[in-house]
């Protein structure tokens, strides 16, 4: 059951990453300028909004689901991020 939840959250995160990449590609074409059209500004605003929602989803959903899967104490958001950092160091440090 927990593995299914983890897979579901992962699939939702992949969808969010698709939309972030789409927004990023649009903004990359616009580039850095001194002044922007309102439409261009809107595309940057959309990118920032999608990025913010995805980070929130990653921390509040994915990391908490992983903590539950590993029977970690979830606690506050800071605890969840610290658990993710410890997990990263454990799996990716040489």
N, C-alpha and C. Protein backbone atom coordinates (compact mmCIF):
# COMPACT_ATOMS: atom_id res chain seq x y z
N UNK A 1 0.82 -1.19 0.00
CA UNK A 1 0.00 0.00 0.00
C UNK A 1 0.87 1.26 0.00
N UNK A 2 1.89 1.28 0.83
CA UNK A 2 2.78 2.44 0.89
C UNK A 2 3.57 2.57 -0.41
N UNK A 3 3.95 1.44 -0.97
CA UNK A 3 4.70 1.46 -2.23
C UNK A 3 3.82 2.03 -3.35
N UNK A 4 2.55 1.71 -3.36
CA UNK A 4 1.62 2.26 -4.36
C UNK A 4 1.49 3.77 -4.19
N UNK A 5 1.44 4.25 -2.95
CA UNK A 5 1.38 5.69 -2.67
C UNK A 5 2.65 6.38 -3.16
N UNK A 6 3.77 5.76 -2.92
CA UNK A 6 5.05 6.31 -3.37
C UNK A 6 5.09 6.39 -4.90
N UNK A 7 4.61 5.36 -5.57
CA UNK A 7 4.57 5.35 -7.03
C UNK A 7 3.61 6.41 -7.56
N UNK A 8 2.48 6.57 -6.91
CA UNK A 8 1.50 7.58 -7.32
C UNK A 8 2.10 8.99 -7.17
N UNK A 9 2.73 9.26 -6.04
CA UNK A 9 3.36 10.57 -5.83
C UNK A 9 4.47 10.81 -6.85
N UNK A 10 5.24 9.79 -7.15
CA UNK A 10 6.31 9.90 -8.13
C UNK A 10 5.75 10.25 -9.51
N UNK A 11 4.66 9.61 -9.90
CA UNK A 11 4.04 9.90 -11.19
C UNK A 11 3.51 11.34 -11.25
N UNK A 12 2.95 11.80 -10.15
CA UNK A 12 2.49 13.18 -10.10
C UNK A 12 3.66 14.16 -10.19
N UNK A 13 4.77 13.84 -9.55
CA UNK A 13 5.95 14.69 -9.61
C UNK A 13 6.50 14.74 -11.04
N UNK A 14 6.49 13.61 -11.74
CA UNK A 14 6.95 13.59 -13.13
C UNK A 14 6.09 14.49 -14.00
N UNK A 15 4.79 14.52 -13.77
CA UNK A 15 3.91 15.41 -14.53
C UNK A 15 4.26 16.87 -14.25
N UNK A 16 4.52 17.18 -12.99
CA UNK A 16 4.89 18.55 -12.64
C UNK A 16 6.21 18.94 -13.30
N UNK A 17 7.15 18.02 -13.34
CA UNK A 17 8.44 18.31 -13.97
C UNK A 17 8.28 18.55 -15.47
N UNK A 18 7.35 17.86 -16.10
CA UNK A 18 7.06 18.10 -17.52
C UNK A 18 6.65 19.55 -17.73
N UNK A 19 5.74 20.05 -16.89
CA UNK A 19 5.25 21.41 -17.05
C UNK A 19 6.32 22.44 -16.70
N UNK A 20 7.17 22.13 -15.73
CA UNK A 20 8.28 23.04 -15.42
C UNK A 20 9.22 23.14 -16.61
N UNK A 21 9.56 22.00 -17.21
CA UNK A 21 10.45 22.00 -18.36
C UNK A 21 9.85 22.78 -19.51
N UNK A 22 8.56 22.64 -19.74
CA UNK A 22 7.89 23.40 -20.79
C UNK A 22 8.02 24.90 -20.54
N UNK A 23 7.76 25.33 -19.32
CA UNK A 23 7.89 26.75 -18.97
C UNK A 23 9.34 27.21 -19.07
N UNK A 24 10.26 26.38 -18.62
CA UNK A 24 11.68 26.73 -18.69
C UNK A 24 12.13 26.94 -20.13
N UNK A 25 11.71 26.04 -21.01
CA UNK A 25 12.09 26.16 -22.42
C UNK A 25 11.54 27.45 -23.03
N UNK A 26 10.31 27.82 -22.67
CA UNK A 26 9.74 29.08 -23.16
C UNK A 26 10.54 30.28 -22.66
N UNK A 27 10.93 30.25 -21.39
CA UNK A 27 11.68 31.36 -20.81
C UNK A 27 13.10 31.41 -21.36
N UNK A 28 13.67 30.27 -21.65
CA UNK A 28 15.02 30.23 -22.21
C UNK A 28 15.05 30.91 -23.58
N UNK A 29 14.00 30.71 -24.36
CA UNK A 29 13.90 31.36 -25.67
C UNK A 29 13.81 32.88 -25.51
N UNK A 30 13.08 33.32 -24.50
CA UNK A 30 12.94 34.77 -24.25
C UNK A 30 14.29 35.37 -23.87
N UNK A 31 15.02 34.68 -22.99
CA UNK A 31 16.34 35.15 -22.58
C UNK A 31 16.30 36.28 -21.57
N UNK A 32 17.47 36.83 -21.31
CA UNK A 32 17.63 37.92 -20.35
C UNK A 32 17.61 39.24 -21.12
N UNK A 33 16.78 40.16 -20.68
CA UNK A 33 16.63 41.46 -21.33
C UNK A 33 16.56 42.55 -20.26
N UNK A 34 16.64 43.78 -20.72
CA UNK A 34 16.43 44.90 -19.80
C UNK A 34 14.94 45.13 -19.56
N UNK A 35 14.12 44.90 -20.61
CA UNK A 35 12.67 45.08 -20.48
C UNK A 35 11.95 43.93 -21.16
N UNK A 36 10.79 43.58 -20.62
CA UNK A 36 10.01 42.46 -21.13
C UNK A 36 8.60 42.93 -21.51
N UNK A 37 8.02 42.26 -22.51
CA UNK A 37 6.60 42.44 -22.79
C UNK A 37 5.81 41.79 -21.67
N UNK A 38 4.58 42.18 -21.54
CA UNK A 38 3.73 41.61 -20.49
C UNK A 38 3.57 40.10 -20.67
N UNK A 39 3.49 39.63 -21.92
CA UNK A 39 3.38 38.19 -22.18
C UNK A 39 4.63 37.45 -21.73
N UNK A 40 5.79 38.05 -21.98
CA UNK A 40 7.05 37.43 -21.58
C UNK A 40 7.15 37.38 -20.06
N UNK A 41 6.77 38.47 -19.42
CA UNK A 41 6.78 38.50 -17.96
C UNK A 41 5.86 37.41 -17.40
N UNK A 42 4.72 37.23 -18.03
CA UNK A 42 3.78 36.19 -17.60
C UNK A 42 4.37 34.80 -17.69
N UNK A 43 5.19 34.55 -18.70
CA UNK A 43 5.82 33.23 -18.84
C UNK A 43 6.82 32.99 -17.71
N UNK A 44 7.56 34.03 -17.33
CA UNK A 44 8.49 33.89 -16.20
C UNK A 44 7.73 33.68 -14.89
N UNK A 45 6.62 34.38 -14.75
CA UNK A 45 5.80 34.23 -13.56
C UNK A 45 5.23 32.81 -13.47
N UNK A 46 4.81 32.27 -14.61
CA UNK A 46 4.30 30.90 -14.66
C UNK A 46 5.38 29.90 -14.27
N UNK A 47 6.59 30.11 -14.76
CA UNK A 47 7.71 29.23 -14.41
C UNK A 47 7.95 29.26 -12.90
N UNK A 48 8.00 30.44 -12.32
CA UNK A 48 8.23 30.55 -10.87
C UNK A 48 7.12 29.88 -10.08
N UNK A 49 5.90 30.06 -10.51
CA UNK A 49 4.76 29.46 -9.82
C UNK A 49 4.82 27.93 -9.89
N UNK A 50 5.11 27.40 -11.07
CA UNK A 50 5.20 25.95 -11.22
C UNK A 50 6.36 25.39 -10.40
N UNK A 51 7.47 26.10 -10.38
CA UNK A 51 8.62 25.66 -9.60
C UNK A 51 8.25 25.63 -8.11
N UNK A 52 7.62 26.67 -7.64
CA UNK A 52 7.23 26.75 -6.23
C UNK A 52 6.28 25.63 -5.84
N UNK A 53 5.28 25.37 -6.66
CA UNK A 53 4.33 24.29 -6.36
C UNK A 53 5.02 22.93 -6.37
N UNK A 54 5.96 22.75 -7.27
CA UNK A 54 6.67 21.47 -7.34
C UNK A 54 7.56 21.24 -6.13
N UNK A 55 8.24 22.28 -5.68
CA UNK A 55 9.07 22.15 -4.48
C UNK A 55 8.19 21.84 -3.28
N UNK A 56 7.06 22.52 -3.18
CA UNK A 56 6.12 22.26 -2.09
C UNK A 56 5.63 20.81 -2.14
N UNK A 57 5.29 20.33 -3.33
CA UNK A 57 4.85 18.95 -3.49
C UNK A 57 5.97 17.98 -3.10
N UNK A 58 7.18 18.27 -3.54
CA UNK A 58 8.32 17.40 -3.24
C UNK A 58 8.52 17.26 -1.73
N UNK A 59 8.48 18.37 -1.03
CA UNK A 59 8.74 18.34 0.41
C UNK A 59 7.53 17.79 1.17
N UNK A 60 6.35 18.34 0.89
CA UNK A 60 5.17 17.97 1.68
C UNK A 60 4.60 16.59 1.33
N UNK A 61 4.80 16.13 0.11
CA UNK A 61 4.23 14.84 -0.28
C UNK A 61 5.30 13.77 -0.42
N UNK A 62 6.23 13.98 -1.35
CA UNK A 62 7.22 12.94 -1.65
C UNK A 62 8.09 12.60 -0.44
N UNK A 63 8.71 13.61 0.14
CA UNK A 63 9.61 13.35 1.27
C UNK A 63 8.86 12.75 2.45
N UNK A 64 7.65 13.21 2.71
CA UNK A 64 6.86 12.64 3.81
C UNK A 64 6.47 11.20 3.51
N UNK A 65 6.12 10.92 2.26
CA UNK A 65 5.79 9.54 1.88
C UNK A 65 7.00 8.63 2.05
N UNK A 66 8.16 9.11 1.64
CA UNK A 66 9.40 8.32 1.80
C UNK A 66 9.69 8.10 3.28
N UNK A 67 9.50 9.14 4.09
CA UNK A 67 9.70 8.98 5.53
C UNK A 67 8.76 7.92 6.10
N UNK A 68 7.51 7.94 5.69
CA UNK A 68 6.56 6.92 6.15
C UNK A 68 6.98 5.53 5.69
N UNK A 69 7.43 5.44 4.46
CA UNK A 69 7.87 4.17 3.89
C UNK A 69 9.04 3.59 4.69
N UNK A 70 9.94 4.48 5.16
CA UNK A 70 11.11 4.05 5.93
C UNK A 70 10.88 4.11 7.43
N UNK A 71 9.65 4.34 7.85
CA UNK A 71 9.28 4.41 9.27
C UNK A 71 10.05 5.48 10.03
N UNK A 72 10.32 6.60 9.37
CA UNK A 72 11.00 7.73 10.00
C UNK A 72 9.96 8.61 10.70
N UNK A 73 10.39 9.27 11.76
CA UNK A 73 9.56 10.25 12.43
C UNK A 73 9.46 11.48 11.52
N UNK A 74 8.26 11.86 11.12
CA UNK A 74 8.12 12.96 10.16
C UNK A 74 8.33 14.32 10.81
N UNK A 75 7.66 14.62 11.87
CA UNK A 75 7.85 15.87 12.58
C UNK A 75 7.54 17.09 11.73
N UNK A 76 8.35 18.13 11.90
CA UNK A 76 8.15 19.39 11.18
C UNK A 76 8.72 19.30 9.77
N UNK A 77 8.47 20.34 8.98
CA UNK A 77 9.05 20.38 7.63
C UNK A 77 10.56 20.37 7.67
N UNK A 78 11.14 21.02 8.67
CA UNK A 78 12.60 21.01 8.82
C UNK A 78 13.08 19.58 9.06
N UNK A 79 12.36 18.83 9.88
CA UNK A 79 12.71 17.42 10.12
C UNK A 79 12.63 16.61 8.83
N UNK A 80 11.61 16.85 8.03
CA UNK A 80 11.44 16.12 6.78
C UNK A 80 12.61 16.42 5.83
N UNK A 81 13.00 17.69 5.74
CA UNK A 81 14.12 18.07 4.88
C UNK A 81 15.42 17.48 5.42
N UNK A 82 15.61 17.52 6.73
CA UNK A 82 16.81 16.92 7.32
C UNK A 82 16.87 15.42 7.04
N UNK A 83 15.74 14.74 7.15
CA UNK A 83 15.71 13.31 6.83
C UNK A 83 16.10 13.07 5.37
N UNK A 84 15.60 13.91 4.47
CA UNK A 84 15.94 13.77 3.05
C UNK A 84 17.43 14.00 2.83
N UNK A 85 18.00 14.97 3.54
CA UNK A 85 19.43 15.25 3.42
C UNK A 85 20.26 14.08 3.93
N UNK A 86 19.87 13.52 5.07
CA UNK A 86 20.57 12.35 5.60
C UNK A 86 20.48 11.18 4.64
N UNK A 87 19.30 11.00 4.05
CA UNK A 87 19.09 9.92 3.08
C UNK A 87 20.00 10.13 1.87
N UNK A 88 20.10 11.35 1.40
CA UNK A 88 20.97 11.67 0.26
C UNK A 88 22.43 11.35 0.59
N UNK A 89 22.87 11.81 1.75
CA UNK A 89 24.27 11.54 2.15
C UNK A 89 24.53 10.05 2.27
N UNK A 90 23.57 9.33 2.80
CA UNK A 90 23.72 7.89 3.01
C UNK A 90 23.86 7.15 1.68
N UNK A 91 23.10 7.55 0.68
CA UNK A 91 23.09 6.83 -0.60
C UNK A 91 24.09 7.36 -1.62
N UNK A 92 24.47 8.64 -1.52
CA UNK A 92 25.28 9.22 -2.58
C UNK A 92 26.67 9.70 -2.16
N UNK A 93 27.01 9.58 -0.90
CA UNK A 93 28.37 9.99 -0.52
C UNK A 93 29.32 8.82 -0.68
N UNK A 94 30.51 9.16 -1.06
CA UNK A 94 31.51 8.09 -1.29
C UNK A 94 32.44 7.93 -0.11
